[in-house]
Protein backbone atom coordinates (compact mmCIF):
# COMPACT_ATOMS: atom_id res chain seq x y z
CA MET A 1 8.61 1.00 70.58
CA ASN A 2 9.49 -2.60 71.46
CA ARG A 3 6.55 -3.70 69.36
CA ILE A 4 8.06 -2.18 66.19
CA ASN A 5 10.08 -4.73 64.22
CA TYR A 6 11.80 -4.86 60.85
CA ARG A 7 9.00 -6.99 59.33
CA ILE A 8 6.26 -4.45 60.02
CA VAL A 9 8.52 -1.61 58.81
CA ILE A 10 9.24 -3.32 55.48
CA PHE A 11 5.57 -4.22 55.07
CA ALA A 12 4.44 -0.65 55.83
CA ILE A 13 6.94 0.87 53.38
CA ALA A 14 5.90 -1.60 50.66
CA LEU A 15 2.20 -0.86 51.26
CA ILE A 16 2.63 2.92 51.23
CA ALA A 17 4.71 2.78 48.05
CA ALA A 18 2.20 0.40 46.42
CA VAL A 19 -0.72 2.71 47.18
CA ALA A 20 1.19 5.73 45.85
CA PHE A 21 2.19 4.05 42.58
CA SER A 22 -1.20 2.42 41.99
CA LEU A 23 -3.37 5.51 42.57
CA PRO A 24 -2.76 6.97 39.04
CA SER A 25 -4.11 3.71 37.58
CA PHE A 26 -7.13 3.60 39.88
CA LEU A 27 -7.97 7.30 39.52
CA GLN A 28 -6.79 7.66 35.89
CA THR A 29 -4.94 10.88 36.67
CA SER A 30 -3.13 12.81 33.94
CA GLY A 31 0.27 12.39 35.59
CA GLY A 32 2.16 9.37 36.87
CA LYS A 33 2.75 5.94 35.40
CA LYS A 34 -0.41 3.98 34.70
CA ILE A 35 -1.31 0.52 33.50
CA SER A 36 -2.16 0.43 29.80
CA LEU A 37 -5.28 -1.43 28.77
CA GLY A 38 -4.90 -4.10 26.11
CA LEU A 39 -6.81 -4.47 22.86
CA ASP A 40 -9.53 -6.61 24.45
CA LEU A 41 -10.21 -4.04 27.20
CA GLN A 42 -10.13 -0.67 25.42
CA GLY A 43 -10.89 -1.71 21.85
CA GLY A 44 -8.79 -1.25 18.75
CA LEU A 45 -7.66 -3.14 15.67
CA HIS A 46 -6.39 -6.69 15.23
CA MET A 47 -4.72 -7.79 11.99
CA LEU A 48 -3.21 -11.01 10.74
CA LEU A 49 -0.43 -10.40 8.20
CA GLY A 50 1.25 -12.82 5.83
CA VAL A 51 4.92 -12.33 4.92
CA GLN A 52 5.87 -13.05 1.30
CA THR A 53 9.15 -14.70 2.19
CA ASP A 54 10.07 -15.54 -1.42
CA LYS A 55 10.61 -11.84 -2.05
CA ALA A 56 13.23 -11.80 0.73
CA VAL A 57 15.36 -14.22 -1.29
CA VAL A 58 15.02 -11.98 -4.37
CA SER A 59 16.03 -8.97 -2.27
CA LYS A 60 19.07 -10.84 -0.98
CA ILE A 61 20.11 -11.70 -4.56
CA LYS A 62 19.90 -8.01 -5.50
CA SER A 63 21.94 -7.05 -2.45
CA ILE A 64 24.69 -9.55 -3.28
CA ALA A 65 24.71 -8.42 -6.93
CA SER A 66 25.12 -4.82 -5.80
CA SER A 67 28.04 -5.85 -3.55
CA VAL A 68 29.70 -7.69 -6.46
CA LYS A 69 29.39 -4.63 -8.68
CA TYR A 70 30.86 -2.30 -6.06
CA PHE A 71 33.67 -4.76 -5.28
CA ALA A 72 34.52 -5.08 -8.97
CA ASP A 73 34.53 -1.31 -9.50
CA ASP A 74 36.55 -0.69 -6.34
CA SER A 75 39.10 -3.39 -7.23
CA SER A 76 39.30 -2.38 -10.93
CA ILE A 77 37.96 -5.76 -12.02
CA LEU A 78 36.23 -5.65 -15.39
CA ILE A 79 32.81 -7.33 -15.50
CA GLU A 80 29.93 -6.95 -17.94
CA GLU A 81 26.37 -8.12 -18.49
CA LEU A 82 25.45 -8.12 -14.82
CA ILE A 83 21.91 -9.47 -15.05
CA ILE A 84 19.53 -10.33 -12.16
CA GLU A 85 16.89 -13.04 -12.38
CA ASP A 86 14.43 -14.08 -9.65
CA TYR A 87 16.68 -16.39 -7.64
CA SER A 88 20.04 -15.87 -9.33
CA PHE A 89 22.23 -13.37 -11.11
CA GLY A 90 25.09 -13.62 -13.54
CA PHE A 91 27.94 -11.62 -15.01
CA LEU A 92 30.79 -11.94 -17.49
CA LEU A 93 34.35 -11.65 -16.16
CA LEU A 94 36.63 -10.11 -18.81
CA ASP A 95 40.02 -10.93 -17.28
CA SER A 96 40.91 -14.53 -16.37
CA ASP A 97 43.66 -13.26 -14.02
CA GLU A 98 40.93 -12.01 -11.67
CA ILE A 99 39.22 -15.41 -11.23
CA GLU A 100 40.81 -16.09 -7.84
CA THR A 101 39.97 -12.60 -6.52
CA ILE A 102 36.32 -12.62 -7.58
CA GLU A 103 35.74 -16.20 -6.39
CA LYS A 104 37.28 -15.42 -3.01
CA MET A 105 34.81 -12.55 -2.66
CA LEU A 106 31.87 -14.77 -3.65
CA SER A 107 32.94 -17.53 -1.24
CA ALA A 108 32.78 -15.09 1.67
CA ASN A 109 28.95 -15.10 1.38
CA ALA A 110 27.37 -17.98 3.32
CA GLY A 111 25.22 -20.35 1.28
CA LEU A 112 26.25 -18.85 -2.06
CA LYS A 113 26.75 -21.26 -4.97
CA PHE A 114 28.36 -20.22 -8.23
CA VAL A 115 29.27 -21.94 -11.46
CA LYS A 116 31.56 -20.70 -14.25
CA ASP A 117 31.60 -21.75 -17.88
CA ASP A 118 34.54 -21.63 -20.29
CA ASP A 119 33.77 -18.05 -21.33
CA LEU A 120 34.21 -16.79 -17.72
CA ARG A 121 30.46 -16.31 -17.40
CA TYR A 122 29.33 -16.77 -13.78
CA LYS A 123 25.92 -17.76 -12.49
CA ILE A 124 25.31 -17.25 -8.75
CA THR A 125 22.48 -18.84 -6.72
CA ILE A 126 21.65 -19.39 -3.04
CA ASP A 127 21.37 -22.94 -1.72
CA GLU A 128 18.14 -24.25 -0.15
CA ILE A 129 19.43 -24.19 3.43
CA GLU A 130 20.46 -20.54 3.16
CA GLN A 131 17.16 -19.68 1.45
CA ALA A 132 15.29 -21.19 4.41
CA ASN A 133 17.44 -19.13 6.80
CA ILE A 134 16.77 -15.97 4.80
CA LYS A 135 13.01 -16.58 4.88
CA ASP A 136 13.01 -17.28 8.62
CA LYS A 137 15.11 -14.20 9.37
CA ALA A 138 12.88 -12.11 7.10
CA VAL A 139 9.79 -12.89 9.19
CA SER A 140 11.67 -12.10 12.42
CA GLN A 141 12.95 -8.87 10.88
CA VAL A 142 9.45 -7.87 9.78
CA VAL A 143 8.18 -8.44 13.35
CA GLU A 144 10.89 -6.19 14.82
CA THR A 145 10.51 -3.56 12.08
CA ILE A 146 6.74 -3.31 12.49
CA ARG A 147 7.14 -3.10 16.27
CA ASN A 148 9.70 -0.28 15.90
CA ARG A 149 7.47 1.60 13.47
CA LEU A 150 4.46 1.39 15.77
CA ASP A 151 6.54 2.54 18.74
CA GLN A 152 7.67 5.60 16.77
CA PHE A 153 4.11 6.14 15.56
CA GLY A 154 3.15 6.66 19.22
CA LEU A 155 0.78 3.75 19.85
CA ALA A 156 0.66 2.55 23.46
CA GLU A 157 1.75 -1.05 23.91
CA PRO A 158 1.10 -2.52 20.44
CA SER A 159 1.24 -6.30 20.26
CA VAL A 160 3.28 -7.78 17.39
CA THR A 161 3.84 -11.54 17.57
CA ARG A 162 4.83 -14.22 15.14
CA GLN A 163 2.34 -16.99 14.35
CA GLY A 164 3.65 -19.96 12.44
CA PRO A 165 6.35 -19.82 9.78
CA THR A 166 5.09 -16.81 7.79
CA ASP A 167 2.21 -15.09 9.65
CA ILE A 168 2.29 -12.16 12.08
CA SER A 169 -0.44 -11.10 14.53
CA VAL A 170 -0.71 -7.35 15.20
CA GLY A 171 -2.89 -5.85 17.93
CA LEU A 172 -3.31 -2.06 18.04
CA PRO A 173 -5.11 -0.84 21.20
CA GLY A 174 -6.79 2.54 21.04
CA ILE A 175 -7.37 2.68 17.27
CA LYS A 176 -10.89 4.08 17.06
CA THR A 177 -11.25 6.16 13.87
CA VAL A 178 -11.04 5.18 10.21
CA GLU A 179 -8.23 7.69 9.69
CA GLU A 180 -6.14 6.20 12.52
CA GLU A 181 -6.72 2.70 11.17
CA GLN A 182 -5.74 3.70 7.63
CA ARG A 183 -2.54 5.43 8.71
CA ALA A 184 -1.55 2.49 10.94
CA ARG A 185 -2.17 0.01 8.11
CA GLU A 186 -0.12 2.09 5.66
CA LEU A 187 2.73 2.36 8.14
CA ILE A 188 2.73 -1.37 8.88
CA ALA A 189 2.51 -2.57 5.28
CA LYS A 190 4.81 0.02 3.68
CA PRO A 191 7.92 -1.82 2.39
CA ALA A 192 10.06 1.37 2.47
CA GLN A 193 12.52 -0.18 0.02
CA LEU A 194 14.80 2.72 -0.84
CA GLU A 195 17.21 2.19 -3.73
CA MET A 196 19.54 4.47 -5.63
CA MET A 197 19.72 3.28 -9.23
CA THR A 198 21.59 4.67 -12.20
CA VAL A 199 19.78 5.60 -15.39
CA ASP A 200 20.89 3.59 -18.44
CA GLU A 201 21.92 6.65 -20.42
CA GLN A 202 22.83 4.64 -23.55
CA ARG A 203 19.26 3.42 -24.01
CA ALA A 204 17.29 5.95 -21.95
CA ASP A 205 15.54 7.38 -25.03
CA GLN A 206 14.21 3.87 -25.88
CA VAL A 207 12.30 3.53 -22.61
CA TYR A 208 8.88 3.62 -24.34
CA THR A 209 9.80 1.38 -27.28
CA ILE A 210 12.26 -1.20 -26.00
CA SER A 211 10.97 -4.75 -25.51
CA GLN A 212 10.94 -6.48 -22.13
CA GLU A 213 13.32 -9.12 -23.44
CA ASP A 214 15.87 -6.48 -24.43
CA VAL A 215 15.41 -4.77 -21.06
CA LYS A 216 16.25 -8.03 -19.28
CA ASN A 217 19.17 -8.86 -21.58
CA HIS A 218 20.78 -5.48 -20.89
CA GLY A 219 20.36 -5.91 -17.11
CA ASP A 220 17.86 -3.05 -16.90
CA VAL A 221 14.45 -2.45 -15.40
CA ILE A 222 11.68 0.02 -16.26
CA LEU A 223 10.09 1.86 -13.34
CA PRO A 224 7.36 4.53 -13.33
CA SER A 225 7.61 7.98 -11.86
CA SER A 226 5.91 8.73 -8.54
CA ASP A 227 4.13 11.67 -10.17
CA SER A 228 2.64 9.77 -13.11
CA ASN A 229 2.59 6.17 -14.32
CA GLU A 230 2.95 7.49 -17.86
CA THR A 231 6.45 8.80 -17.12
CA LYS A 232 8.95 5.94 -17.05
CA TYR A 233 12.68 5.50 -16.48
CA LEU A 234 15.06 2.88 -17.84
CA LEU A 235 17.37 2.00 -14.92
CA LYS A 236 20.17 -0.43 -14.21
CA ALA A 237 18.58 -3.32 -12.29
CA VAL A 238 21.46 -3.59 -9.82
CA PRO A 239 21.06 -0.72 -7.31
CA LEU A 240 23.99 1.41 -6.23
CA LEU A 241 22.69 1.67 -2.65
CA THR A 242 19.77 0.29 -0.65
CA GLY A 243 17.88 1.41 2.43
CA SER A 244 19.93 -0.94 4.61
CA GLN A 245 22.67 1.72 4.61
CA ILE A 246 20.38 4.45 6.01
CA THR A 247 21.07 5.53 9.59
CA ASP A 248 18.53 8.34 9.94
CA ALA A 249 15.63 9.99 8.12
CA SER A 250 13.61 13.08 8.97
CA VAL A 251 10.97 15.36 7.47
CA ALA A 252 12.03 18.80 6.24
CA PHE A 253 10.66 21.44 3.86
CA ASP A 254 12.11 22.75 0.61
CA GLN A 255 12.22 26.34 -0.61
CA ASN A 256 8.59 26.01 -1.78
CA ASN A 257 7.53 24.85 1.70
CA GLN A 258 6.82 21.34 0.40
CA PRO A 259 7.62 18.32 2.61
CA ILE A 260 10.78 16.41 1.72
CA ILE A 261 12.69 13.62 3.46
CA ASN A 262 16.34 14.05 4.40
CA PHE A 263 18.33 10.87 5.00
CA LYS A 264 21.84 9.98 6.12
CA LEU A 265 23.94 6.98 5.11
CA ASP A 266 26.30 4.88 7.20
CA ALA A 267 30.07 4.92 6.60
CA THR A 268 29.96 2.21 3.94
CA GLY A 269 27.06 3.83 2.11
CA ALA A 270 28.70 7.25 2.25
CA ARG A 271 31.92 5.85 0.76
CA ILE A 272 30.08 4.06 -2.04
CA PHE A 273 27.97 7.16 -2.75
CA GLY A 274 30.98 9.48 -2.77
CA ASP A 275 33.10 7.20 -4.98
CA PHE A 276 30.31 6.67 -7.50
CA THR A 277 29.31 10.32 -7.82
CA GLY A 278 32.96 11.29 -8.21
CA LYS A 279 33.46 8.86 -11.13
CA ASN A 280 30.11 9.42 -12.87
CA VAL A 281 29.63 13.16 -13.28
CA GLY A 282 26.90 13.81 -15.87
CA VAL A 283 25.04 10.54 -15.15
CA ARG A 284 21.53 10.62 -13.72
CA LEU A 285 21.02 8.87 -10.36
CA ALA A 286 17.42 7.90 -9.58
CA VAL A 287 16.00 7.85 -6.06
CA VAL A 288 13.58 4.90 -6.01
CA LEU A 289 11.18 4.19 -3.16
CA ASP A 290 9.03 1.05 -3.29
CA GLY A 291 9.39 0.74 -7.05
CA LEU A 292 8.59 4.38 -7.87
CA VAL A 293 11.12 6.95 -9.11
CA TYR A 294 10.80 10.09 -7.01
CA SER A 295 13.62 12.00 -8.65
CA ALA A 296 16.48 11.41 -11.10
CA PRO A 297 18.89 14.35 -10.83
CA VAL A 298 22.08 14.66 -12.88
CA ILE A 299 25.30 14.23 -10.89
CA ARG A 300 27.12 17.58 -11.17
CA GLU A 301 30.05 16.82 -8.84
CA ARG A 302 31.24 14.39 -6.21
CA ILE A 303 28.74 14.26 -3.32
CA GLY A 304 30.37 13.61 0.03
CA GLY A 305 28.97 13.57 3.55
CA GLY A 306 26.69 10.58 2.98
CA SER A 307 23.37 12.45 2.94
CA GLY A 308 20.56 12.98 0.45
CA GLN A 309 16.90 13.84 0.13
CA ILE A 310 13.69 12.49 -1.36
CA SER A 311 11.12 14.86 -2.82
CA GLY A 312 7.97 14.04 -4.71
CA GLY A 313 4.79 15.78 -3.66
CA PHE A 314 4.44 14.20 -0.21
CA THR A 315 1.82 15.35 2.22
CA VAL A 316 3.10 15.99 5.75
CA HIS A 317 1.56 12.71 6.99
CA GLU A 318 2.98 10.75 4.06
CA ALA A 319 6.45 12.22 4.58
CA GLY A 320 6.24 11.40 8.29
CA ASN A 321 5.25 7.80 7.59
CA VAL A 322 8.05 7.35 5.06
CA ALA A 323 10.61 8.87 7.45
CA ILE A 324 9.48 6.51 10.24
CA ALA A 325 9.64 3.55 7.87
CA LEU A 326 13.14 4.47 6.67
CA ARG A 327 14.43 5.01 10.21
CA SER A 328 13.04 1.70 11.46
CA GLY A 329 14.32 -0.18 8.42
CA ALA A 330 12.80 -1.53 5.25
CA LEU A 331 10.78 -4.72 5.29
CA GLN A 332 12.95 -7.48 3.84
CA ALA A 333 9.77 -9.08 2.49
CA PRO A 334 6.37 -7.53 1.64
CA VAL A 335 3.38 -8.25 3.87
CA VAL A 336 -0.23 -8.85 2.88
CA LEU A 337 -3.33 -8.45 5.03
CA LEU A 338 -4.90 -11.86 5.64
CA GLU A 339 -7.47 -10.89 8.27
CA LYS A 340 -8.72 -7.75 9.97
CA ARG A 341 -10.90 -7.52 13.05
CA SER A 342 -12.04 -4.39 14.87
CA VAL A 343 -12.71 -4.56 18.61
CA GLY A 344 -15.15 -1.89 19.74
CA PRO A 345 -14.55 0.06 22.97
CA SER A 346 -18.00 -1.01 24.22
CA LEU A 347 -16.88 -4.65 24.21
CA GLY A 348 -13.79 -3.65 26.14
CA ALA A 349 -15.88 -1.72 28.68
CA ASP A 350 -18.13 -4.76 29.18
CA SER A 351 -15.06 -6.92 29.76
CA VAL A 352 -13.71 -4.47 32.33
CA ARG A 353 -17.05 -4.33 34.19
CA SER A 354 -17.38 -8.11 34.21
CA SER A 355 -13.82 -8.59 35.43
CA ILE A 356 -14.15 -5.96 38.16
CA LEU A 357 -17.43 -7.54 39.29
CA ALA A 358 -15.78 -10.96 39.46
CA LEU A 359 -12.85 -9.48 41.38
CA LEU A 360 -15.13 -7.72 43.91
CA VAL A 361 -17.37 -10.75 44.44
CA GLY A 362 -14.41 -13.08 44.91
CA PHE A 363 -12.68 -10.54 47.13
CA MET A 364 -15.71 -10.10 49.41
CA LEU A 365 -16.34 -13.85 49.70
CA VAL A 366 -12.72 -14.47 50.71
CA ILE A 367 -12.82 -11.61 53.24
CA LEU A 368 -16.05 -12.89 54.81
CA PHE A 369 -14.77 -16.44 55.03
CA MET A 370 -11.48 -15.41 56.65
CA VAL A 371 -13.17 -13.19 59.26
CA ILE A 372 -15.86 -15.75 60.14
CA TYR A 373 -13.52 -18.72 60.34
CA TYR A 374 -10.32 -17.19 61.78
CA GLY A 375 -11.54 -14.13 63.69
CA TYR A 376 -8.93 -11.39 64.12
CA ALA A 377 -6.33 -13.56 62.38
CA GLY A 378 -8.64 -13.49 59.36
CA ILE A 379 -8.68 -9.69 59.48
CA ILE A 380 -4.88 -9.65 59.48
CA ALA A 381 -4.90 -11.98 56.46
CA ASN A 382 -7.35 -9.64 54.71
CA VAL A 383 -5.02 -6.69 55.30
CA ALA A 384 -2.30 -8.69 53.56
CA LEU A 385 -4.73 -9.48 50.73
CA VAL A 386 -5.54 -5.78 50.15
CA ALA A 387 -1.84 -4.96 50.21
CA ASN A 388 -1.24 -7.75 47.69
CA ILE A 389 -3.65 -6.22 45.16
CA PHE A 390 -2.12 -2.75 45.55
CA ILE A 391 1.36 -4.17 45.04
CA ILE A 392 0.30 -6.00 41.85
CA ILE A 393 -1.22 -2.85 40.35
CA ALA A 394 1.76 -0.70 41.44
CA VAL A 395 4.40 -3.01 39.97
CA MET A 396 2.51 -3.33 36.67
CA ALA A 397 2.16 0.46 36.50
CA MET A 398 5.86 1.05 37.27
CA PHE A 399 6.93 -1.18 34.40
CA GLY A 400 4.26 0.12 32.02
CA ALA A 401 2.67 -3.32 31.67
CA THR A 402 -0.45 -3.85 29.58
CA LEU A 403 -3.50 -5.26 31.31
CA THR A 404 -5.50 -7.67 29.16
CA LEU A 405 -8.58 -9.79 29.89
CA PRO A 406 -6.41 -12.82 30.80
CA GLY A 407 -4.46 -10.46 33.05
CA MET A 408 -7.68 -9.48 34.81
CA ALA A 409 -8.39 -13.20 35.24
CA GLY A 410 -4.92 -13.52 36.75
CA ILE A 411 -5.72 -10.82 39.33
CA VAL A 412 -8.98 -12.59 40.23
CA LEU A 413 -7.10 -15.86 40.61
CA THR A 414 -4.43 -14.12 42.68
CA VAL A 415 -7.09 -13.13 45.22
CA GLY A 416 -7.62 -16.78 46.00
CA MET A 417 -3.92 -17.66 45.81
CA ALA A 418 -2.81 -14.77 48.03
CA VAL A 419 -4.90 -15.94 50.99
CA ASP A 420 -3.68 -19.53 50.61
CA ALA A 421 -0.40 -18.84 52.41
CA ASN A 422 -2.26 -17.23 55.31
CA VAL A 423 -4.57 -20.22 55.58
CA ILE A 424 -1.57 -22.55 55.85
CA ILE A 425 0.06 -20.32 58.49
CA ASN A 426 -3.14 -19.95 60.54
CA GLU A 427 -3.76 -23.68 60.52
CA ARG A 428 -0.23 -24.39 61.74
CA VAL A 429 -0.64 -21.80 64.51
CA ARG A 430 -4.03 -23.25 65.52
CA GLU A 431 -2.58 -26.76 65.68
CA LEU A 432 0.09 -25.63 68.15
CA LEU A 433 -2.40 -23.62 70.20
CA LYS A 434 -4.72 -26.61 70.53
CA THR A 435 -1.88 -28.63 72.10
CA GLY A 436 -1.55 -26.05 74.88
CA ASN A 437 1.41 -23.99 73.62
CA SER A 438 1.67 -20.28 74.28
CA ILE A 439 0.60 -17.76 71.67
CA SER A 440 4.17 -16.52 71.13
CA TYR A 441 5.54 -20.06 70.72
CA SER A 442 2.65 -21.08 68.41
CA ILE A 443 3.08 -18.08 66.11
CA THR A 444 6.87 -18.43 65.83
CA HIS A 445 6.85 -22.17 65.18
CA GLY A 446 3.65 -21.98 63.13
CA TYR A 447 5.43 -19.75 60.60
CA ASN A 448 8.49 -22.02 60.64
CA ASN A 449 6.37 -25.13 60.03
CA ALA A 450 4.36 -23.47 57.24
CA MET A 451 7.38 -22.06 55.43
CA SER A 452 8.34 -25.15 53.42
CA ALA A 453 4.79 -25.75 52.17
CA ILE A 454 4.36 -22.10 51.17
CA LEU A 455 7.70 -21.94 49.35
CA ASP A 456 7.14 -25.23 47.51
CA ALA A 457 3.67 -24.22 46.32
CA ASN A 458 4.67 -20.72 45.23
CA ILE A 459 7.97 -21.67 43.56
CA THR A 460 6.37 -24.42 41.47
CA THR A 461 3.56 -22.06 40.41
CA LEU A 462 6.12 -19.36 39.62
CA LEU A 463 8.10 -21.77 37.42
CA VAL A 464 4.94 -22.56 35.43
CA ALA A 465 4.24 -18.82 35.06
CA VAL A 466 7.78 -18.25 33.74
CA ILE A 467 7.33 -21.02 31.18
CA LEU A 468 4.01 -19.49 30.09
CA TYR A 469 5.71 -16.11 29.66
CA VAL A 470 8.66 -17.49 27.66
CA TYR A 471 6.63 -19.66 25.28
CA GLY A 472 3.26 -17.91 25.29
CA THR A 473 1.96 -15.09 23.09
CA GLY A 474 0.53 -11.67 24.05
CA PRO A 475 -2.53 -12.48 26.23
CA ILE A 476 -0.86 -15.54 27.77
CA LYS A 477 2.17 -13.42 28.64
CA GLY A 478 -0.14 -10.92 30.37
CA PHE A 479 -1.65 -13.72 32.45
CA ALA A 480 1.81 -15.03 33.33
CA VAL A 481 3.07 -11.59 34.36
CA THR A 482 0.07 -10.97 36.62
CA ILE A 483 0.36 -14.36 38.30
CA SER A 484 4.12 -13.96 38.79
CA ILE A 485 3.77 -10.54 40.42
CA GLY A 486 0.89 -11.87 42.56
CA ILE A 487 2.94 -14.83 43.79
CA LEU A 488 5.93 -12.67 44.77
CA ALA A 489 3.65 -10.09 46.40
CA SER A 490 1.76 -12.76 48.37
CA MET A 491 5.03 -14.15 49.73
CA LEU A 492 5.99 -10.65 50.87
CA THR A 493 2.65 -9.87 52.48
CA ALA A 494 1.96 -13.31 53.99
CA ILE A 495 5.38 -14.39 55.21
CA LEU A 496 6.80 -11.00 56.15
CA GLY A 497 3.81 -8.68 56.57
CA THR A 498 1.43 -10.76 58.67
CA HIS A 499 4.31 -12.05 60.83
CA GLY A 500 5.26 -8.46 61.58
CA ILE A 501 1.66 -7.60 62.48
CA TYR A 502 1.42 -10.58 64.84
CA HIS A 503 4.69 -9.57 66.49
CA THR A 504 3.40 -6.03 67.00
CA LEU A 505 0.08 -7.23 68.47
CA MET A 506 1.60 -9.99 70.62
CA PRO A 507 1.10 -8.18 73.99
CA ASN A 508 -2.56 -7.53 73.16
CA MET A 509 -3.15 -11.19 72.28
CA ALA A 510 -1.41 -12.42 75.45
CA LYS A 511 -3.36 -9.99 77.63
CA ALA A 512 -6.74 -10.86 76.07
CA ASN A 513 -5.99 -14.62 76.13
CA ASN A 514 -9.07 -15.14 73.93
CA LEU A 515 -8.19 -17.79 71.34
CA ARG A 516 -11.71 -17.80 69.89
CA LYS A 517 -11.60 -14.07 69.14
CA TRP A 518 -8.04 -14.05 67.78
CA PHE A 519 -7.79 -17.40 65.97
CA GLY A 520 -11.33 -18.80 65.82
CA ILE A 521 -10.53 -21.70 68.15
CA LYS A 522 -13.52 -22.96 70.09
């Protein structure tokens, strides 16, 4: 019992736990947490998307125009001729006493510029600095929205990273069929721009004859029905509500067992919806999704509760995709597919075989060298090396990390790095033994002398790995994660584990008094 020490206990617990948590990954069992394979190892789909950031500025203009209209209605301020253009909108203020109130509201929006002529006609634009901010935020928002959609879609560890000012790289591991690819592409690229727009009842019957110039002058827009492009609606261009006020969306079925989408609005949206429906009984309110009118029911009474539904001949899959898109948020700017590349599972299998072969060859060479050169001390170092690999796999599995080809390279590299600390320790011990010191003294002071070199080397490497993780993209992050876990594991196994083993075996070493067998000293 005197041979048992806290170092060997901690090492044994860590090794047992590592083996237990890594077995599901090695054996690919149905239960337990396992490491996910990346796109380059199991195959899948890689896409490069371009974000049309100019449309984000247009969307922002529409949002501000909608806020102005609601503010004016809510504050009983009379405005007319609210017309939206690409990068600006304008309106006519009818009461000069309300100039201060309306301008105070406009000034609350960052980057908003407005000019007023003598007739109280306002023109509102966004300055260049704010436009640049909107475009930059739009790309970041698209990245997060696509990532959320793919997570809800059920894909394991999708990779969504920004590349440059407007491009986004998307990696989808495990996409193998054409149907899966098509559904993923539709989900990613779907704008999911939900708008509630009022029908221009005064000119609704002119929808097929009115000119585009008159449509624009009246602040209207013509949109087709989702059922048929031949059916069109004349709508007010400024929406009453947008998808930004949606808090939840789910698939349900109507009385005819057809899929519909139920949605709920936040507090602000519910208040706007309730106030508008209460004041506009008899007016048609169109539900518009991505530029198509799905329904335009007549308002019969005030609608409270902040909920609604979208119907329009959806299939179950289509309704599910739309619900996911609405829950995760609309894309502030449309995306276009710039490049598509499929990675076959056979290529991934070849990569796995090559990496495993490299790992085994490197592992065996290191083991042979340590045993031949250091004797029993080399065997102890090899035990630490095996424990190091189990710990790496276990930690990655516990956190659900994705293993990519660079990550496999990191494991191979860790095999060489993990034994480095043991080499330093063994050399310090051998130096003390050669000067005639006892085995106990040499081991204790050998570890003390090696500590500074081991810590310096591992901490500097760990700092580089952290920098790679912070500033790198998907595969580079995988490499950095593997190296970081390997460094921390090697410090545990080399500094704590092997020291505990030496302490436990100290009586055997002293009794044998065979430095050649234990440490390879001639």
